[in-house]
Amino acid sequence: MLSSLRGGVVRHLFPAESDQWLAWLRVGLGIEVGLYCLSLRADWTYLFASNGRGLISPHLSEAVLLRDSALTPRLRWFTAAGEYLGLSEDTTVLVLWTCLLCAGLLLTIGFCSRTSAIVAWILHLSAVKSIGFMSYGADNFTTIGLFYLMVAPLPDRLALDHRIRKIRTKDSSRHGFHRRVLQLHLCLVYFFGGLGKCLGKGWWDGSSMWRALIRPPFDVISPETIASWGYLLPVAGVCVCLIEVGYSFLIWPRKTRMIWLILVLGMHIGIGLTMGLYLFSLIMIVLNAAAFAPDLVMVRARQLFFLNRHARV
């Protein structure tokens, strides 16, 4: 019995998988990092400047960060190195922005994939931790996604690295393990997020949904419009709770996987359109698509191929 149980656990954690999920994750994270850099281009120096020119003093952010961990990367490390080399702080900060943008672009095309993933993870984590007071869910999940990509068996078959150097990890169990960990991580995130919502009454009566939609700067829709459709807020709140709690259980069976994946992606698209959280919606769509969509897409593609072939015959 123990041997059978151990074999079942091993088969579940190390399934034979292709590297298609990794291509989805790499391209999606590359686009996410590029859009993150472009969205902060005009304010990058303003956010990270010191000597009283920044929005929040970096000394305050660094003091709070040091209380949590002295080993957490932060941009101050790089600016101090730039000062040692004779570079001004503004120049160093601009170079870091350029490096992060280039890392995102290289990830998108799959050139120097491993190095680009490591650089993107370190620089993004440093930037997020340096402005911890202004970071939110999109920053945290982007850092998580970049970590998974950094340790994944790169490059994938669609990467430029594979086309140039013909390098690719052929061990399907390694791909299966990394993808399985990502899947389990998402299940934990949605389950406990949904459970926390269910324990309060705000998501059942619509009050939490109302506060989320009218709070600046997320008030994309005017409060008057939301109030006119107020009777739908409790329904939307209950649906969010059910989708998130049910995700951990109904995303696994093949009969319900497509339905639940569409519901989750639709929920995040709705968040992006109604609250303006476009980067948050994008990173959650990327993680969910990489974790659960590739095999569904391939099954559907094979079905269409055989149907068309049968029709021609």
Foldseek 3Di string as FASTA:
>chain_A
DVVVVVVVVLCQQQPQAACPLLLLLLQLLLVLLLVVLVVCVVCQCQCQPAPPSHPDHLVVLVVVVVVVPPPFAACVVQLVVCVVVVHHSVVSSVVLSVLLNVLSVLSNQQHVNLVSLVSNLRSLRRHCSSPVVPDDDLSVLSNVSSVLSNPAFDDHCRHPCCVVVVDGDPRRRSVSNSLSVLLVVLLVVLQVVLVVLVVDCCLQQLVVVLCQCCDPPQVPDPNVVCVVVVVCRNVVSVLSSCLSNCCNPQCPDPVRVVVSLVSVLVVLVVSCVRRVPVSSSSSVNSSSCSNRPPVVVVVVVVVVVVVVVVVVD
